[in-house]
């Protein structure tokens, strides 16, 4: 099916959508022109002037309705994700449910998060902080969680009174269109949320446009630098959630069975294509052999195959070039001295399938040690003690998430405080949750999404002093 968006779209540029499980093209979308972009920004700017005056209770009501739309169309949206980027169908359904949850969360708590904050003041004066929206916000979002990443942005920021303009990844245009339809069906005014099907080379021009007040990006380091650079020149606020090389620390008193089972999920969920996936497994020498054996057993039990099959654990990588990049990282690491325990080569079948892979004896500085691996590849390290574990965990330019495993919760919290990351989970995998802030340090970006902290990233915290 060919989609046309408005009468001003007159371009020969198209987004051809390829099913990564089959390698076959199944859809084509026409890209928007700069004229379309200009119209969208004008619409966003005009809508914002009215939307900001809408009561927060009404915004919460509309968001609650958006959650209902998601639930009513769960299968449709899940199938779209699976076709476009290869996510196993049960994980795609879970993603839609999570999007509905974030809608529920801000529909319930938005008012409390944004209520006026009163301050000590002299007699006869009232002093408070009020939270007012900034305006049109550009969101540059990735393909790996094509619904969740967008709703993680939209639910809080629209509820705060901003309007959103989405530039989604070019391999998930159907998801971008469907998300705009969710808000339309929920009853949001036209222009509160718009999807632009555009190439990445238009992003800087959009950020520089006076009608755009801020930007958020989830993606690679180079993309983040480009967005931050342009926004910085224009003195516009940004939030960046970039890559990660999350450590998964297993101490000598850990529950090995539980750690291996959860570690397998943490590395392989979504085909390993997650910034907050466990990537470097750092294991105390006293339990190293036991953990590696359990991890190997769990990895080899995973079913790789057709993502529309309910029994599939790992579908294809989202694009053939991403699979090639991942395999090159593995091969280069083996050449540098790493030991291949399982996996390590693309499957001999149609589609971009890569098996769960474990590498040990990982040399310092090889690709799986120093770079982000965006696929089902685990690097496993053996360390002598807790101090070495923390040192190795911090030996990376990234600082997104980390996981620590120990039966001693006090010890786990002590280790967590010494790890340089935006979030650390003890006896749990790293995850994004509407109730708590998410974000990184170092090369993993800055700013926070979700929770009360997240909804306040794109508001003017205005002091109002009344004498």
Protein backbone atom coordinates (compact mmCIF):
# COMPACT_ATOMS: atom_id res chain seq x y z
CA UNK A 1 0.00 0.00 0.00
CA UNK A 2 1.28 3.49 -0.89
CA UNK A 3 0.52 6.32 1.52
CA UNK A 4 0.16 9.99 0.55
CA UNK A 5 -0.10 12.53 3.33
CA UNK A 6 -1.18 15.84 1.84
CA UNK A 7 -1.46 17.76 -1.39
CA UNK A 8 1.93 19.42 -0.93
CA UNK A 9 3.82 16.10 -0.97
CA UNK A 10 5.44 16.01 -4.38
CA UNK A 11 8.69 14.11 -4.14
CA UNK A 12 10.20 11.03 -5.69
CA UNK A 13 11.82 9.98 -2.42
CA UNK A 14 10.32 6.94 -0.74
CA UNK A 15 10.81 4.80 2.34
CA UNK A 16 10.76 1.17 1.27
CA UNK A 17 9.91 -1.10 4.19
CA UNK A 18 11.71 -4.45 4.30
CA UNK A 19 10.63 -7.34 6.51
CA UNK A 20 13.93 -8.36 8.21
CA UNK A 21 12.66 -11.91 8.72
CA UNK A 22 12.23 -12.49 4.98
CA UNK A 23 14.26 -9.77 3.29
CA UNK A 24 11.21 -8.87 1.23
CA UNK A 25 9.77 -5.40 0.70
CA UNK A 26 6.16 -5.18 1.83
CA UNK A 27 5.35 -1.47 1.93
CA UNK A 28 6.33 1.94 0.59
CA UNK A 29 5.80 5.36 2.14
CA UNK A 30 6.40 8.68 0.46
CA UNK A 31 8.70 11.00 2.34
CA UNK A 32 7.56 14.43 3.41
CA UNK A 33 9.11 17.44 1.70
CA UNK A 34 10.40 20.55 3.45
CA UNK A 35 7.13 22.21 2.48
CA UNK A 36 5.32 19.51 4.46
CA UNK A 37 7.68 20.05 7.38
CA UNK A 38 7.04 23.80 7.29
CA UNK A 39 3.29 23.18 7.34
CA UNK A 40 3.66 20.78 10.28
CA UNK A 41 5.74 23.24 12.31
CA UNK A 42 3.29 26.04 11.61
CA UNK A 43 0.45 23.77 12.69
CA UNK A 44 2.34 22.76 15.84
CA UNK A 45 3.09 26.36 16.73
CA UNK A 46 -0.52 27.43 16.27
CA UNK A 47 -1.90 24.45 18.15
CA UNK A 48 0.46 25.01 21.06
CA UNK A 49 -1.03 28.42 21.80
CA UNK A 50 -4.39 26.75 22.44
CA UNK A 51 -3.15 23.45 23.88
CA UNK A 52 -1.09 25.14 26.61
CA UNK A 53 -4.30 26.74 27.90
CA UNK A 54 -6.10 23.40 28.07
CA UNK A 55 -6.56 22.24 31.66
CA UNK A 56 -4.24 19.50 32.78
CA UNK A 57 -7.26 17.46 33.81
CA UNK A 58 -8.43 17.47 30.19
CA UNK A 59 -4.95 16.52 28.99
CA UNK A 60 -4.94 13.65 31.47
CA UNK A 61 -8.37 12.52 30.23
CA UNK A 62 -7.16 12.46 26.63
CA UNK A 63 -4.05 10.52 27.63
CA UNK A 64 -6.17 7.95 29.42
CA UNK A 65 -8.17 7.58 26.22
CA UNK A 66 -4.95 7.10 24.24
CA UNK A 67 -4.14 4.19 26.55
CA UNK A 68 -7.50 2.66 25.73
CA UNK A 69 -6.87 3.08 22.00
CA UNK A 70 -3.58 1.23 22.39
CA UNK A 71 -5.23 -1.65 24.21
CA UNK A 72 -8.10 -1.85 21.72
CA UNK A 73 -5.66 -2.14 18.80
CA UNK A 74 -2.89 -4.12 20.48
CA UNK A 75 -2.68 -6.89 17.90
CA UNK A 76 -2.60 -4.47 14.97
CA UNK A 77 0.22 -2.41 16.45
CA UNK A 78 2.18 -5.46 17.54
CA UNK A 79 1.99 -6.98 14.08
CA UNK A 80 3.19 -3.70 12.58
CA UNK A 81 6.27 -3.71 14.83
CA UNK A 82 7.03 -7.33 14.06
CA UNK A 83 6.80 -6.79 10.30
CA UNK A 84 8.88 -3.63 10.27
CA UNK A 85 11.73 -4.44 12.67
CA UNK A 86 11.42 -8.13 13.55
CA UNK A 87 10.44 -8.04 17.21
CA UNK A 88 8.92 -11.38 18.39
CA UNK A 89 5.16 -10.97 18.45
CA UNK A 90 4.72 -11.62 22.18
CA UNK A 91 7.33 -8.96 22.96
CA UNK A 92 5.59 -6.58 20.57
CA UNK A 93 2.30 -7.05 22.40
CA UNK A 94 4.06 -6.43 25.68
CA UNK A 95 5.46 -3.20 24.25
CA UNK A 96 1.98 -1.95 23.36
CA UNK A 97 0.79 -2.82 26.86
CA UNK A 98 3.72 -0.89 28.34
CA UNK A 99 2.80 2.14 26.24
CA UNK A 100 -0.73 1.96 27.62
CA UNK A 101 0.77 1.77 31.12
CA UNK A 102 2.80 4.96 30.66
CA UNK A 103 -0.40 6.66 29.49
CA UNK A 104 -2.18 5.43 32.60
CA UNK A 105 0.69 6.62 34.79
CA UNK A 106 0.73 10.21 33.60
CA UNK A 107 -3.05 10.34 33.36
CA UNK A 108 -3.08 9.54 37.08
CA UNK A 109 -0.03 11.44 38.31
CA UNK A 110 0.51 14.32 35.84
CA UNK A 111 -1.37 16.86 37.97
CA UNK A 112 0.58 15.98 41.09
CA UNK A 113 3.91 16.09 39.28
CA UNK A 114 3.20 19.54 37.87
CA UNK A 115 1.39 21.19 40.76
CA UNK A 116 2.74 24.51 42.00
CA UNK A 117 5.57 24.27 44.53
CA UNK A 118 5.41 26.85 47.33
CA UNK A 119 8.53 28.29 48.98
CA UNK A 120 9.27 30.04 52.27
CA UNK A 121 8.49 33.74 51.88
CA UNK A 122 8.33 36.93 53.97
CA UNK A 123 5.06 37.93 55.65
CA UNK A 124 2.48 39.15 53.16
CA UNK A 125 4.16 37.45 50.18
CA UNK A 126 3.41 34.24 48.32
CA UNK A 127 6.25 32.62 46.40
CA UNK A 128 5.88 29.56 44.26
CA UNK A 129 7.27 27.72 41.24
CA UNK A 130 4.84 27.06 38.42
CA UNK A 131 5.54 24.62 35.61
CA UNK A 132 4.70 25.89 32.13
CA UNK A 133 5.27 24.13 28.78
CA UNK A 134 7.95 25.26 26.35
CA UNK A 135 6.26 24.67 23.00
CA UNK A 136 6.82 22.32 20.04
CA UNK A 137 9.32 19.58 20.93
CA UNK A 138 11.16 17.55 18.27
CA UNK A 139 11.61 13.88 19.12
CA UNK A 140 14.17 11.87 17.12
CA UNK A 141 13.42 8.25 17.93
CA UNK A 142 14.98 4.85 17.09
CA UNK A 143 13.54 1.67 15.63
CA UNK A 144 14.32 -0.82 18.40
CA UNK A 145 11.26 -0.05 20.55
CA UNK A 146 9.26 1.79 17.91
CA UNK A 147 6.18 2.42 20.07
CA UNK A 148 7.63 2.57 23.58
CA UNK A 149 10.37 5.09 22.80
CA UNK A 150 7.78 7.47 21.35
CA UNK A 151 5.21 7.11 24.13
CA UNK A 152 7.99 7.49 26.70
CA UNK A 153 8.42 10.94 25.16
CA UNK A 154 4.86 11.83 24.29
CA UNK A 155 2.93 10.81 27.41
CA UNK A 156 4.69 13.18 29.83
CA UNK A 157 5.52 16.04 27.48
CA UNK A 158 2.09 16.38 25.87
CA UNK A 159 0.49 16.16 29.30
CA UNK A 160 2.74 19.00 30.45
CA UNK A 161 1.23 21.13 27.67
CA UNK A 162 3.89 20.83 24.99
CA UNK A 163 3.17 19.61 21.45
CA UNK A 164 5.24 16.92 19.76
CA UNK A 165 6.82 16.49 16.35
CA UNK A 166 8.23 13.01 15.69
CA UNK A 167 11.07 12.12 13.36
CA UNK A 168 11.06 8.33 13.59
CA UNK A 169 13.59 5.86 12.20
CA UNK A 170 13.21 5.32 8.45
CA UNK A 171 12.68 1.55 8.74
CA UNK A 172 9.52 1.91 10.91
CA UNK A 173 7.36 4.47 9.07
CA UNK A 174 4.22 2.42 9.60
CA UNK A 175 4.72 2.64 13.35
CA UNK A 176 5.20 6.41 13.08
CA UNK A 177 1.93 6.80 11.18
CA UNK A 178 0.08 4.46 13.54
CA UNK A 179 1.23 6.41 16.61
CA UNK A 180 -0.07 9.66 15.15
CA UNK A 181 -3.37 7.85 14.54
CA UNK A 182 -3.50 6.79 18.21
CA UNK A 183 -3.54 10.41 19.35
CA UNK A 184 -5.98 11.42 16.65
CA UNK A 185 -8.37 8.62 17.58
CA UNK A 186 -8.05 9.52 21.25
CA UNK A 187 -9.40 12.98 20.46
CA UNK A 188 -6.28 15.13 20.65
CA UNK A 189 -6.53 18.38 18.68
CA UNK A 190 -4.84 18.37 15.28
CA UNK A 191 -1.24 19.46 15.61
CA UNK A 192 -0.63 18.26 19.17
CA UNK A 193 1.28 15.24 17.85
CA UNK A 194 2.58 14.87 14.29
CA UNK A 195 4.82 12.32 12.58
CA UNK A 196 7.21 13.47 9.88
CA UNK A 197 8.55 10.89 7.43
CA UNK A 198 11.81 12.60 6.60
CA UNK A 199 15.50 11.75 6.18
CA UNK A 200 17.94 12.48 8.97
CA UNK A 201 19.59 15.32 7.07
CA UNK A 202 16.56 17.56 7.75
CA UNK A 203 16.82 17.20 11.53
CA UNK A 204 19.31 20.01 12.10
CA UNK A 205 17.20 22.45 10.07
CA UNK A 206 14.14 21.56 12.15
CA UNK A 207 16.01 22.07 15.43
CA UNK A 208 17.26 25.44 14.19
CA UNK A 209 13.74 26.57 13.30
CA UNK A 210 12.43 29.20 15.70
CA UNK A 211 9.13 27.35 16.08
CA UNK A 212 10.84 24.36 17.71
CA UNK A 213 11.70 25.01 21.34
CA UNK A 214 13.55 21.85 22.40
CA UNK A 215 14.59 18.40 21.22
CA UNK A 216 15.02 14.90 22.57
CA UNK A 217 16.87 12.02 20.95
CA UNK A 218 17.33 8.36 21.68
CA UNK A 219 20.04 6.92 19.47
CA UNK A 220 23.74 6.78 18.72
CA UNK A 221 26.52 8.98 20.06
CA UNK A 222 27.19 10.70 16.71
CA UNK A 223 23.49 11.46 16.27
CA UNK A 224 23.32 12.82 19.81
CA UNK A 225 26.31 15.08 19.26
CA UNK A 226 24.77 16.45 16.07
CA UNK A 227 21.47 17.25 17.79
CA UNK A 228 23.18 18.69 20.87
CA UNK A 229 25.51 20.81 18.73
CA UNK A 230 22.73 22.40 16.72
CA UNK A 231 20.50 22.87 19.76
CA UNK A 232 23.38 24.37 21.71
CA UNK A 233 23.98 26.99 19.04
CA UNK A 234 20.30 27.90 19.27
CA UNK A 235 20.24 27.77 23.11
CA UNK A 236 17.56 25.08 23.10
CA UNK A 237 17.11 22.42 25.76
CA UNK A 238 17.89 18.80 24.86
CA UNK A 239 17.57 15.39 26.48
CA UNK A 240 19.76 12.63 25.04
CA UNK A 241 19.55 8.91 25.76
CA UNK A 242 22.44 7.35 23.89
CA UNK A 243 24.25 4.02 23.79
CA UNK A 244 25.26 1.74 26.60
CA UNK A 245 27.62 -1.07 27.48
CA UNK A 246 25.89 -2.10 30.67
CA UNK A 247 27.78 -4.28 33.16
CA UNK A 248 26.02 -7.25 34.77
CA UNK A 249 28.00 -8.01 37.94
CA UNK A 250 27.69 -11.44 39.56
CA UNK A 251 29.29 -11.54 43.01
CA UNK A 252 30.40 -14.65 44.86
CA UNK A 253 27.25 -14.83 47.00
CA UNK A 254 24.77 -14.44 44.14
CA UNK A 255 21.88 -16.77 43.34
CA UNK A 256 23.51 -18.21 40.23
CA UNK A 257 20.44 -19.83 38.74
CA UNK A 258 18.42 -16.64 39.02
CA UNK A 259 21.29 -14.47 37.78
CA UNK A 260 21.86 -16.66 34.71
CA UNK A 261 18.17 -16.82 33.85
CA UNK A 262 17.63 -13.08 34.20
CA UNK A 263 20.95 -12.32 32.52
CA UNK A 264 19.87 -14.33 29.50
CA UNK A 265 16.71 -12.26 29.23
CA UNK A 266 18.61 -9.03 29.86
CA UNK A 267 21.02 -9.73 27.00
CA UNK A 268 18.68 -11.29 24.43
CA UNK A 269 15.33 -9.54 24.83
CA UNK A 270 14.38 -7.68 21.64
CA UNK A 271 17.15 -9.59 19.85
CA UNK A 272 19.69 -7.89 22.09
CA UNK A 273 18.86 -4.58 20.40
CA UNK A 274 18.54 -2.40 23.47
CA UNK A 275 20.66 0.38 24.94
CA UNK A 276 20.00 -0.92 28.46
CA UNK A 277 20.64 -4.58 27.66
CA UNK A 278 23.21 -6.40 29.78
CA UNK A 279 26.32 -6.53 27.60
CA UNK A 280 29.36 -7.16 29.81
CA UNK A 281 28.97 -10.01 32.32
CA UNK A 282 31.48 -9.50 35.13
CA UNK A 283 31.66 -12.61 37.31
CA UNK A 284 33.51 -13.35 40.55
CA UNK A 285 36.05 -16.13 40.11
CA UNK A 286 34.48 -18.27 42.85
CA UNK A 287 31.26 -18.67 40.84
CA UNK A 288 32.58 -18.05 37.33
CA UNK A 289 32.46 -21.63 36.05
CA UNK A 290 29.04 -22.29 37.56
CA UNK A 291 27.59 -19.08 36.14
CA UNK A 292 29.10 -19.58 32.68
CA UNK A 293 27.68 -23.10 32.49
CA UNK A 294 24.22 -21.87 33.54
CA UNK A 295 24.37 -18.92 31.16
CA UNK A 296 25.38 -21.19 28.27
CA UNK A 297 22.51 -23.57 29.00
CA UNK A 298 20.03 -20.69 29.03
CA UNK A 299 21.42 -19.13 25.85
CA UNK A 300 21.26 -22.38 23.94
CA UNK A 301 17.67 -22.99 25.02
CA UNK A 302 16.46 -19.85 23.24
CA UNK A 303 14.45 -20.31 20.04
CA UNK A 304 15.62 -18.18 17.12
CA UNK A 305 13.17 -17.95 14.27
CA UNK A 306 9.99 -16.57 12.78
CA UNK A 307 8.99 -13.54 14.91
CA UNK A 308 5.30 -14.16 14.23
CA UNK A 309 5.57 -17.54 15.98
CA UNK A 310 4.49 -17.37 19.61
CA UNK A 311 7.31 -19.75 20.59
CA UNK A 312 10.10 -17.58 19.18
CA UNK A 313 12.44 -15.93 21.67
CA UNK A 314 14.70 -14.09 19.22
CA UNK A 315 13.64 -12.78 15.82
CA UNK A 316 15.86 -11.28 13.16
CA UNK A 317 18.11 -8.28 13.62
CA UNK A 318 16.28 -5.21 12.39
CA UNK A 319 18.35 -4.76 9.21
CA UNK A 320 20.97 -6.81 7.34
CA UNK A 321 23.60 -4.07 7.73
CA UNK A 322 23.13 -4.15 11.51
CA UNK A 323 23.70 -7.90 11.51
CA UNK A 324 26.86 -7.41 9.45
CA UNK A 325 28.16 -4.78 11.87
CA UNK A 326 27.48 -7.06 14.84
CA UNK A 327 29.20 -10.03 13.21
CA UNK A 328 32.23 -7.89 12.37
CA UNK A 329 32.51 -6.92 16.05
CA UNK A 330 32.42 -10.60 17.04
CA UNK A 331 34.95 -11.69 14.41
CA UNK A 332 37.34 -8.85 15.26
CA UNK A 333 37.13 -9.70 18.96
CA UNK A 334 37.90 -13.37 18.28
CA UNK A 335 40.86 -12.36 16.13
CA UNK A 336 42.05 -10.21 19.05
CA UNK A 337 41.99 -13.27 21.35
CA UNK A 338 38.45 -13.72 22.66
CA UNK A 339 37.15 -17.29 22.98
CA UNK A 340 33.89 -18.19 21.24
CA UNK A 341 31.73 -20.34 23.50
CA UNK A 342 28.55 -20.52 21.42
CA UNK A 343 26.99 -18.83 18.40
CA UNK A 344 29.22 -16.44 16.52
CA UNK A 345 27.92 -16.60 12.93
CA UNK A 346 24.77 -15.54 11.05
CA UNK A 347 22.28 -18.36 10.62
CA UNK A 348 22.19 -20.00 7.19
CA UNK A 349 18.65 -19.02 6.34
CA UNK A 350 16.66 -16.21 4.75
CA UNK A 351 16.47 -13.12 6.93
CA UNK A 352 18.86 -11.26 9.24
CA UNK A 353 19.13 -13.88 11.98
CA UNK A 354 22.01 -13.99 14.46
CA UNK A 355 22.21 -16.60 17.24
CA UNK A 356 22.75 -15.96 20.96
CA UNK A 357 26.53 -15.66 21.29
CA UNK A 358 28.91 -15.85 24.25
CA UNK A 359 32.54 -14.73 24.24
CA UNK A 360 35.01 -15.22 27.10
CA UNK A 361 38.68 -14.29 27.64
CA UNK A 362 37.75 -10.91 26.21
CA UNK A 363 40.83 -8.74 25.53
CA UNK A 364 40.83 -5.13 26.65
CA UNK A 365 40.00 -2.78 23.80
CA UNK A 366 38.52 -5.33 21.39
CA UNK A 367 35.13 -4.39 19.90
CA UNK A 368 32.90 -6.34 22.30
CA UNK A 369 34.84 -4.83 25.20
CA UNK A 370 35.00 -1.19 24.13
CA UNK A 371 32.03 -0.70 21.79
CA UNK A 372 28.30 -1.10 22.17
CA UNK A 373 27.15 -4.45 20.76
CA UNK A 374 23.58 -4.11 19.53
CA UNK A 375 22.57 -7.74 19.27
CA UNK A 376 22.51 -11.04 21.20
CA UNK A 377 26.23 -11.11 22.08
CA UNK A 378 27.48 -11.44 25.67
CA UNK A 379 31.04 -10.73 26.74
CA UNK A 380 31.88 -12.65 29.95
CA UNK A 381 34.74 -11.62 32.26
CA UNK A 382 36.27 -13.32 35.30
CA UNK A 383 37.33 -11.08 38.19
CA UNK A 384 39.08 -11.82 41.48
CA UNK A 385 37.01 -9.66 43.81
CA UNK A 386 34.43 -6.96 44.25
CA UNK A 387 36.92 -4.13 43.76
CA UNK A 388 38.04 -5.51 40.39
CA UNK A 389 34.41 -5.98 39.39
CA UNK A 390 33.58 -2.33 40.05
CA UNK A 391 36.76 -1.14 38.32
CA UNK A 392 35.94 -3.18 35.21
CA UNK A 393 32.31 -2.06 35.27
CA UNK A 394 33.45 1.57 35.27
CA UNK A 395 36.08 0.99 32.62
CA UNK A 396 33.90 2.24 29.77
CA UNK A 397 32.98 5.57 28.22
CA UNK A 398 29.31 4.64 28.60
CA UNK A 399 27.24 5.04 31.75
CA UNK A 400 23.63 4.08 31.16
CA UNK A 401 22.66 1.17 33.40
CA UNK A 402 24.11 -1.64 35.48
CA UNK A 403 22.94 -4.73 37.32
CA UNK A 404 24.45 -6.25 40.49
CA UNK A 405 23.73 -9.74 41.80
CA UNK A 406 24.27 -10.68 45.46
CA UNK A 407 22.30 -12.31 48.26
CA UNK A 408 23.38 -9.46 50.54
CA UNK A 409 21.14 -6.51 49.69
CA UNK A 410 23.22 -4.07 51.74
CA UNK A 411 26.33 -5.18 49.86
CA UNK A 412 24.48 -4.78 46.58
CA UNK A 413 23.47 -1.22 47.41
CA UNK A 414 27.05 -0.42 48.43
CA UNK A 415 28.36 -1.68 45.08
CA UNK A 416 25.57 0.13 43.21
CA UNK A 417 26.67 3.48 44.65
CA UNK A 418 30.20 2.95 43.31
CA UNK A 419 29.13 2.25 39.73
CA UNK A 420 29.15 5.21 37.34
CA UNK A 421 25.79 4.90 35.61
CA UNK A 422 22.41 6.58 35.41
CA UNK A 423 20.68 3.62 37.07
CA UNK A 424 21.76 0.46 38.88
CA UNK A 425 19.46 -2.45 39.68
CA UNK A 426 20.31 -4.99 42.38
CA UNK A 427 19.07 -8.53 41.67
CA UNK A 428 17.04 -7.24 38.74
CA UNK A 429 17.63 -6.43 35.08
CA UNK A 430 17.88 -2.82 33.99
CA UNK A 431 14.54 -1.57 32.71
CA UNK A 432 12.60 1.57 31.90
CA UNK A 433 9.65 2.13 34.22
CA UNK A 434 7.26 5.13 34.22
CA UNK A 435 7.67 5.46 37.99
CA UNK A 436 11.44 6.05 38.00
CA UNK A 437 13.77 8.29 35.97
CA UNK A 438 15.85 6.86 33.12
CA UNK A 439 18.99 8.34 31.62
CA UNK A 440 22.74 8.11 31.52
CA UNK A 441 26.06 9.82 32.14
CA UNK A 442 29.18 10.14 30.01
CA UNK A 443 28.75 8.92 26.44
CA UNK A 444 25.29 7.62 27.35
CA UNK A 445 23.85 11.12 27.30
CA UNK A 446 22.23 13.48 29.76
CA UNK A 447 18.83 14.44 31.10
CA UNK A 448 16.18 12.09 32.39
CA UNK A 449 12.97 10.62 31.03
CA UNK A 450 9.94 9.29 32.92
CA UNK A 451 8.72 9.87 36.49
CA UNK A 452 8.29 13.37 37.93
CA UNK A 453 11.84 14.29 36.92
CA UNK A 454 11.15 13.38 33.30
CA UNK A 455 7.95 15.37 32.87
CA UNK A 456 9.77 18.48 34.15
CA UNK A 457 12.62 18.31 31.62
CA UNK A 458 10.66 20.37 29.09
CA UNK A 459 8.87 22.92 31.22
CA UNK A 460 9.71 26.44 32.35
CA UNK A 461 10.05 26.26 36.13
CA UNK A 462 8.91 29.81 36.63
CA UNK A 463 9.18 31.59 39.96
CA UNK A 464 6.10 33.69 40.75
CA UNK A 465 6.47 36.12 43.64
CA UNK A 466 3.28 37.91 44.76
CA UNK A 467 3.73 40.67 47.33
